[in-house]
Amino acid sequence: QVQLVESGGGLVQPGGSVRLSCAASGLAISDYVMSWYRQPPGKLRELVAISLGGSTNYKDSVKGRFTISRDNAGNTVYLQMNNLKPEDTADYYCNAKARGNDYWGLGTQVTVSS
């Protein structure tokens, strides 16, 4: 049974940092395209960061502030978020995709507010 479990969310002040984790079980993340999505309140889910092989790509508004990384041995994906802004407030979701399989975690909430 595949599980993706996100953690690390919470309340953070503008300008602060948070690191999200996505612990995977039932699959090897080294075989998958791993991504982070987010869904701001009242808006559609959007792609934030993607890790494909040795390359990464980001939504324009988070470039230079967010970093996606993966620990294949630990089967965990991370999203380091720096210089957070109120518009980064959202539920953040981990996604694993490969060979027709598409798995999602339940999400972790990040609220950026003073």
C-alpha atoms as a PDB file:
ATOM      1  CA  GLN A   1       0.000   0.000   0.000  1.00  0.00           C
ATOM      2  CA  VAL A   2       1.437   3.329  -1.073  1.00  0.00           C
ATOM      3  CA  GLN A   3       1.447   6.173   1.413  1.00  0.00           C
ATOM      4  CA  LEU A   4       2.776   9.691   1.194  1.00  0.00           C
ATOM      5  CA  VAL A   5       2.748  11.492   4.531  1.00  0.00           C
ATOM      6  CA  GLU A   6       3.467  15.209   4.666  1.00  0.00           C
ATOM      7  CA  SER A   7       4.632  16.994   7.789  1.00  0.00           C
ATOM      8  CA  GLY A   8       6.232  20.250   8.870  1.00  0.00           C
ATOM      9  CA  GLY A   9       3.446  22.720   8.253  1.00  0.00           C
ATOM     10  CA  GLY A  10       2.194  25.282  10.703  1.00  0.00           C
ATOM     11  CA  LEU A  11       1.975  28.985  11.419  1.00  0.00           C
ATOM     12  CA  VAL A  12       4.976  31.069  10.396  1.00  0.00           C
ATOM     13  CA  GLN A  13       5.599  34.804  10.263  1.00  0.00           C
ATOM     14  CA  PRO A  14       6.245  36.597   6.973  1.00  0.00           C
ATOM     15  CA  GLY A  15       9.906  36.302   6.101  1.00  0.00           C
ATOM     16  CA  GLY A  16      10.225  33.060   8.011  1.00  0.00           C
ATOM     17  CA  SER A  17      11.192  29.573   6.887  1.00  0.00           C
ATOM     18  CA  VAL A  18       9.618  26.152   7.000  1.00  0.00           C
ATOM     19  CA  ARG A  19      10.758  22.757   5.783  1.00  0.00           C
ATOM     20  CA  LEU A  20       8.098  20.329   4.667  1.00  0.00           C
ATOM     21  CA  SER A  21       8.750  16.599   4.549  1.00  0.00           C
ATOM     22  CA  CYS A  22       7.039  13.894   2.542  1.00  0.00           C
ATOM     23  CA  ALA A  23       7.751  10.392   3.810  1.00  0.00           C
ATOM     24  CA  ALA A  24       6.937   7.706   1.256  1.00  0.00           C
ATOM     25  CA  SER A  25       6.175   4.049   1.853  1.00  0.00           C
ATOM     26  CA  GLY A  26       5.130   1.331  -0.551  1.00  0.00           C
ATOM     27  CA  LEU A  27       7.151   2.839  -3.381  1.00  0.00           C
ATOM     28  CA  ALA A  28      10.711   3.927  -4.082  1.00  0.00           C
ATOM     29  CA  ILE A  29      10.813   7.647  -4.763  1.00  0.00           C
ATOM     30  CA  SER A  30      13.896   7.111  -6.917  1.00  0.00           C
ATOM     31  CA  ASP A  31      11.544   5.589  -9.500  1.00  0.00           C
ATOM     32  CA  TYR A  32       9.108   8.497  -9.447  1.00  0.00           C
ATOM     33  CA  VAL A  33       8.741  12.109 -10.448  1.00  0.00           C
ATOM     34  CA  MET A  34       8.206  13.823  -7.106  1.00  0.00           C
ATOM     35  CA  SER A  35       6.390  17.123  -6.821  1.00  0.00           C
ATOM     36  CA  TRP A  36       4.918  19.535  -4.325  1.00  0.00           C
ATOM     37  CA  TYR A  37       1.591  21.178  -5.031  1.00  0.00           C
ATOM     38  CA  ARG A  38      -0.365  23.676  -3.009  1.00  0.00           C
ATOM     39  CA  GLN A  39      -3.952  24.802  -2.774  1.00  0.00           C
ATOM     40  CA  PRO A  40      -4.496  28.298  -1.389  1.00  0.00           C
ATOM     41  CA  PRO A  41      -7.830  28.984   0.307  1.00  0.00           C
ATOM     42  CA  GLY A  42     -10.592  29.250  -2.286  1.00  0.00           C
ATOM     43  CA  LYS A  43      -8.265  28.524  -5.191  1.00  0.00           C
ATOM     44  CA  LEU A  44      -7.277  25.605  -7.383  1.00  0.00           C
ATOM     45  CA  ARG A  45      -4.375  23.298  -6.636  1.00  0.00           C
ATOM     46  CA  GLU A  46      -1.164  24.430  -8.329  1.00  0.00           C
ATOM     47  CA  LEU A  47       2.249  22.937  -8.982  1.00  0.00           C
ATOM     48  CA  VAL A  48       4.952  24.505  -6.834  1.00  0.00           C
ATOM     49  CA  ALA A  49       8.059  22.397  -7.402  1.00  0.00           C
ATOM     50  CA  ILE A  50       9.037  19.274  -9.278  1.00  0.00           C
ATOM     51  CA  SER A  51      12.005  16.925  -9.021  1.00  0.00           C
ATOM     52  CA  LEU A  52      12.669  14.825 -12.096  1.00  0.00           C
ATOM     53  CA  GLY A  53      15.843  12.799 -12.082  1.00  0.00           C
ATOM     54  CA  GLY A  54      18.582  15.280 -11.368  1.00  0.00           C
ATOM     55  CA  SER A  55      16.626  18.342 -12.406  1.00  0.00           C
ATOM     56  CA  THR A  56      14.170  20.594 -10.623  1.00  0.00           C
ATOM     57  CA  ASN A  57      11.723  23.244 -11.667  1.00  0.00           C
ATOM     58  CA  TYR A  58       9.581  25.761  -9.800  1.00  0.00           C
ATOM     59  CA  LYS A  59       6.563  27.966 -10.058  1.00  0.00           C
ATOM     60  CA  ASP A  60       7.808  31.438 -10.951  1.00  0.00           C
ATOM     61  CA  SER A  61       6.565  33.054  -7.754  1.00  0.00           C
ATOM     62  CA  VAL A  62       8.626  30.719  -5.545  1.00  0.00           C
ATOM     63  CA  LYS A  63      11.862  30.613  -7.555  1.00  0.00           C
ATOM     64  CA  GLY A  64      14.799  31.586  -5.405  1.00  0.00           C
ATOM     65  CA  ARG A  65      12.788  31.022  -2.202  1.00  0.00           C
ATOM     66  CA  PHE A  66      11.763  27.343  -2.331  1.00  0.00           C
ATOM     67  CA  THR A  67      13.974  24.303  -2.834  1.00  0.00           C
ATOM     68  CA  ILE A  68      12.806  20.754  -3.498  1.00  0.00           C
ATOM     69  CA  SER A  69      15.164  17.953  -2.588  1.00  0.00           C
ATOM     70  CA  ARG A  70      14.990  14.232  -2.161  1.00  0.00           C
ATOM     71  CA  ASP A  71      16.664  11.669   0.066  1.00  0.00           C
ATOM     72  CA  ASN A  72      16.325   8.488  -1.951  1.00  0.00           C
ATOM     73  CA  ALA A  73      17.884   6.346   0.755  1.00  0.00           C
ATOM     74  CA  GLY A  74      15.437   7.699   3.321  1.00  0.00           C
ATOM     75  CA  ASN A  75      12.590   7.670   0.789  1.00  0.00           C
ATOM     76  CA  THR A  76      11.699  11.239   1.722  1.00  0.00           C
ATOM     77  CA  VAL A  77      11.156  14.417  -0.281  1.00  0.00           C
ATOM     78  CA  TYR A  78      11.565  17.871   1.193  1.00  0.00           C
ATOM     79  CA  LEU A  79      10.430  21.373   0.377  1.00  0.00           C
ATOM     80  CA  GLN A  80      12.515  24.079   1.993  1.00  0.00           C
ATOM     81  CA  MET A  81      10.572  27.330   1.960  1.00  0.00           C
ATOM     82  CA  ASN A  82      12.360  30.572   2.809  1.00  0.00           C
ATOM     83  CA  ASN A  83      11.278  34.204   2.903  1.00  0.00           C
ATOM     84  CA  LEU A  84       7.679  33.149   3.178  1.00  0.00           C
ATOM     85  CA  LYS A  85       4.929  35.544   2.158  1.00  0.00           C
ATOM     86  CA  PRO A  86       1.247  35.650   3.134  1.00  0.00           C
ATOM     87  CA  GLU A  87       0.378  34.526  -0.405  1.00  0.00           C
ATOM     88  CA  ASP A  88       2.228  31.259   0.288  1.00  0.00           C
ATOM     89  CA  THR A  89      -0.548  30.320   2.712  1.00  0.00           C
ATOM     90  CA  ALA A  90      -2.015  27.051   1.455  1.00  0.00           C
ATOM     91  CA  ASP A  91      -2.406  23.344   1.981  1.00  0.00           C
ATOM     92  CA  TYR A  92       0.717  21.702   0.594  1.00  0.00           C
ATOM     93  CA  TYR A  93       0.569  18.262  -1.008  1.00  0.00           C
ATOM     94  CA  CYS A  94       3.201  15.746  -2.016  1.00  0.00           C
ATOM     95  CA  ASN A  95       2.757  13.883  -5.310  1.00  0.00           C
ATOM     96  CA  ALA A  96       4.494  10.855  -6.808  1.00  0.00           C
ATOM     97  CA  LYS A  97       3.963  10.085 -10.471  1.00  0.00           C
ATOM     98  CA  ALA A  98       5.334   7.419 -12.802  1.00  0.00           C
ATOM     99  CA  ARG A  99       4.190   4.809 -15.325  1.00  0.00           C
ATOM    100  CA  GLY A 100       0.518   5.713 -15.041  1.00  0.00           C
ATOM    101  CA  ASN A 101       0.580   5.779 -11.250  1.00  0.00           C
ATOM    102  CA  ASP A 102      -0.328   9.008  -9.489  1.00  0.00           C
ATOM    103  CA  TYR A 103      -0.216   9.151  -5.706  1.00  0.00           C
ATOM    104  CA  TRP A 104      -1.074  11.972  -3.313  1.00  0.00           C
ATOM    105  CA  GLY A 105      -0.604  12.653   0.344  1.00  0.00           C
ATOM    106  CA  LEU A 106      -3.275  14.191   2.544  1.00  0.00           C
ATOM    107  CA  GLY A 107      -1.471  17.488   2.799  1.00  0.00           C
ATOM    108  CA  THR A 108      -0.071  19.781   5.438  1.00  0.00           C
ATOM    109  CA  GLN A 109      -1.230  23.318   6.093  1.00  0.00           C
ATOM    110  CA  VAL A 110       1.092  26.310   5.999  1.00  0.00           C
ATOM    111  CA  THR A 111      -0.186  29.650   7.234  1.00  0.00           C
ATOM    112  CA  VAL A 112       1.976  32.736   6.797  1.00  0.00           C
ATOM    113  CA  SER A 113       0.734  35.503   9.040  1.00  0.00           C
ATOM    114  CA  SER A 114       1.934  37.967  11.625  1.00  0.00           C
END
